């Protein structure tokens, strides 16, 4: 009898864990635009300006800073500092 109760408790615990893992996996798939907006708000709150946030493939090589990932890790977000145009000396 004790073995049956223990087995049922173990099965219930495993099922609960699997359901929680499944729910968090679905919640982790966030659209890139939502992540970009969140990062932009943080940067602007710190007074950062003159930048671009771009979406690239997760395996793409870049010399820019990777600041996040989105759509379940299927894309990366990179931060590019925009350099002011050089003034011509005429």
C-alpha atoms as a PDB file:
ATOM      1  CA  UNK A   1       0.000   0.000   0.000  1.00  0.00           C
ATOM      2  CA  UNK A   2       2.805   2.456   0.893  1.00  0.00           C
ATOM      3  CA  UNK A   3       4.555   1.701  -2.370  1.00  0.00           C
ATOM      4  CA  UNK A   4       1.431   2.597  -4.361  1.00  0.00           C
ATOM      5  CA  UNK A   5       1.003   5.961  -2.595  1.00  0.00           C
ATOM      6  CA  UNK A   6       4.697   6.763  -3.071  1.00  0.00           C
ATOM      7  CA  UNK A   7       4.506   5.904  -6.779  1.00  0.00           C
ATOM      8  CA  UNK A   8       1.406   8.049  -7.275  1.00  0.00           C
ATOM      9  CA  UNK A   9       3.102  10.984  -5.525  1.00  0.00           C
ATOM     10  CA  UNK A  10       6.204  10.590  -7.662  1.00  0.00           C
ATOM     11  CA  UNK A  11       4.162  10.472 -10.868  1.00  0.00           C
ATOM     12  CA  UNK A  12       2.154  13.555  -9.846  1.00  0.00           C
ATOM     13  CA  UNK A  13       5.377  15.411  -9.045  1.00  0.00           C
ATOM     14  CA  UNK A  14       6.935  14.495 -12.389  1.00  0.00           C
ATOM     15  CA  UNK A  15       3.818  15.507 -14.312  1.00  0.00           C
ATOM     16  CA  UNK A  16       3.686  18.861 -12.517  1.00  0.00           C
ATOM     17  CA  UNK A  17       7.342  19.469 -13.316  1.00  0.00           C
ATOM     18  CA  UNK A  18       6.827  18.634 -16.977  1.00  0.00           C
ATOM     19  CA  UNK A  19       3.840  20.953 -17.234  1.00  0.00           C
ATOM     20  CA  UNK A  20       5.800  23.810 -15.654  1.00  0.00           C
ATOM     21  CA  UNK A  21       8.752  23.207 -17.966  1.00  0.00           C
ATOM     22  CA  UNK A  22       6.434  23.184 -20.965  1.00  0.00           C
ATOM     23  CA  UNK A  23       4.777  26.438 -19.888  1.00  0.00           C
ATOM     24  CA  UNK A  24       8.087  28.204 -19.353  1.00  0.00           C
ATOM     25  CA  UNK A  25       9.379  26.990 -22.727  1.00  0.00           C
ATOM     26  CA  UNK A  26       6.345  28.493 -24.453  1.00  0.00           C
ATOM     27  CA  UNK A  27       6.744  31.740 -22.513  1.00  0.00           C
ATOM     28  CA  UNK A  28      10.386  32.001 -23.603  1.00  0.00           C
ATOM     29  CA  UNK A  29       9.443  32.536 -27.259  1.00  0.00           C
ATOM     30  CA  UNK A  30       9.337  36.335 -27.270  1.00  0.00           C
ATOM     31  CA  UNK A  31       9.051  38.317 -30.515  1.00  0.00           C
ATOM     32  CA  UNK A  32      12.164  40.278 -31.490  1.00  0.00           C
ATOM     33  CA  UNK A  33      10.344  43.617 -31.604  1.00  0.00           C
ATOM     34  CA  UNK A  34       9.244  43.223 -27.979  1.00  0.00           C
ATOM     35  CA  UNK A  35      12.815  42.525 -26.858  1.00  0.00           C
ATOM     36  CA  UNK A  36      14.155  45.406 -28.990  1.00  0.00           C
ATOM     37  CA  UNK A  37      11.658  47.794 -27.381  1.00  0.00           C
ATOM     38  CA  UNK A  38      12.637  46.648 -23.893  1.00  0.00           C
ATOM     39  CA  UNK A  39      16.368  47.061 -24.589  1.00  0.00           C
ATOM     40  CA  UNK A  40      15.809  50.465 -26.250  1.00  0.00           C
ATOM     41  CA  UNK A  41      13.910  51.722 -23.187  1.00  0.00           C
ATOM     42  CA  UNK A  42      16.752  50.628 -20.904  1.00  0.00           C
ATOM     43  CA  UNK A  43      19.366  52.306 -23.100  1.00  0.00           C
ATOM     44  CA  UNK A  44      17.384  55.525 -23.397  1.00  0.00           C
ATOM     45  CA  UNK A  45      16.849  55.506 -19.625  1.00  0.00           C
ATOM     46  CA  UNK A  46      20.633  55.517 -19.242  1.00  0.00           C
ATOM     47  CA  UNK A  47      20.969  58.410 -21.681  1.00  0.00           C
ATOM     48  CA  UNK A  48      22.377  56.342 -24.550  1.00  0.00           C
ATOM     49  CA  UNK A  49      21.647  57.661 -28.041  1.00  0.00           C
ATOM     50  CA  UNK A  50      22.982  57.175 -31.558  1.00  0.00           C
ATOM     51  CA  UNK A  51      22.652  53.416 -31.796  1.00  0.00           C
ATOM     52  CA  UNK A  52      20.879  50.743 -33.811  1.00  0.00           C
ATOM     53  CA  UNK A  53      19.501  47.405 -32.626  1.00  0.00           C
ATOM     54  CA  UNK A  54      19.484  44.766 -35.353  1.00  0.00           C
ATOM     55  CA  UNK A  55      18.299  41.175 -35.625  1.00  0.00           C
ATOM     56  CA  UNK A  56      20.683  38.576 -37.069  1.00  0.00           C
ATOM     57  CA  UNK A  57      20.851  34.796 -37.408  1.00  0.00           C
ATOM     58  CA  UNK A  58      22.057  33.021 -34.261  1.00  0.00           C
ATOM     59  CA  UNK A  59      25.107  31.571 -36.019  1.00  0.00           C
ATOM     60  CA  UNK A  60      26.087  34.804 -37.812  1.00  0.00           C
ATOM     61  CA  UNK A  61      29.513  36.245 -37.045  1.00  0.00           C
ATOM     62  CA  UNK A  62      29.511  39.856 -35.867  1.00  0.00           C
ATOM     63  CA  UNK A  63      31.964  42.357 -34.477  1.00  0.00           C
ATOM     64  CA  UNK A  64      29.114  44.137 -32.696  1.00  0.00           C
ATOM     65  CA  UNK A  65      27.899  43.475 -29.185  1.00  0.00           C
ATOM     66  CA  UNK A  66      25.191  40.814 -28.834  1.00  0.00           C
ATOM     67  CA  UNK A  67      22.636  42.239 -26.394  1.00  0.00           C
ATOM     68  CA  UNK A  68      19.972  39.557 -26.490  1.00  0.00           C
ATOM     69  CA  UNK A  69      18.203  36.772 -28.278  1.00  0.00           C
ATOM     70  CA  UNK A  70      14.600  36.400 -29.330  1.00  0.00           C
ATOM     71  CA  UNK A  71      12.017  34.086 -30.840  1.00  0.00           C
ATOM     72  CA  UNK A  72      13.171  31.172 -28.747  1.00  0.00           C
ATOM     73  CA  UNK A  73      16.854  31.646 -29.566  1.00  0.00           C
ATOM     74  CA  UNK A  74      16.307  31.541 -33.330  1.00  0.00           C
ATOM     75  CA  UNK A  75      17.706  35.100 -33.675  1.00  0.00           C
ATOM     76  CA  UNK A  76      20.233  37.355 -31.931  1.00  0.00           C
ATOM     77  CA  UNK A  77      19.988  41.079 -31.268  1.00  0.00           C
ATOM     78  CA  UNK A  78      23.092  43.199 -31.767  1.00  0.00           C
ATOM     79  CA  UNK A  79      23.926  46.748 -30.682  1.00  0.00           C
ATOM     80  CA  UNK A  80      25.647  49.020 -33.200  1.00  0.00           C
ATOM     81  CA  UNK A  81      26.928  52.459 -32.265  1.00  0.00           C
ATOM     82  CA  UNK A  82      26.122  54.976 -34.990  1.00  0.00           C
ATOM     83  CA  UNK A  83      29.112  57.147 -35.789  1.00  0.00           C
ATOM     84  CA  UNK A  84      28.380  60.720 -36.844  1.00  0.00           C
ATOM     85  CA  UNK A  85      29.100  61.520 -40.484  1.00  0.00           C
ATOM     86  CA  UNK A  86      32.451  63.177 -41.027  1.00  0.00           C
ATOM     87  CA  UNK A  87      32.287  66.812 -42.012  1.00  0.00           C
ATOM     88  CA  UNK A  88      33.860  67.622 -45.341  1.00  0.00           C
ATOM     89  CA  UNK A  89      36.626  70.229 -45.394  1.00  0.00           C
ATOM     90  CA  UNK A  90      35.945  72.302 -48.474  1.00  0.00           C
END
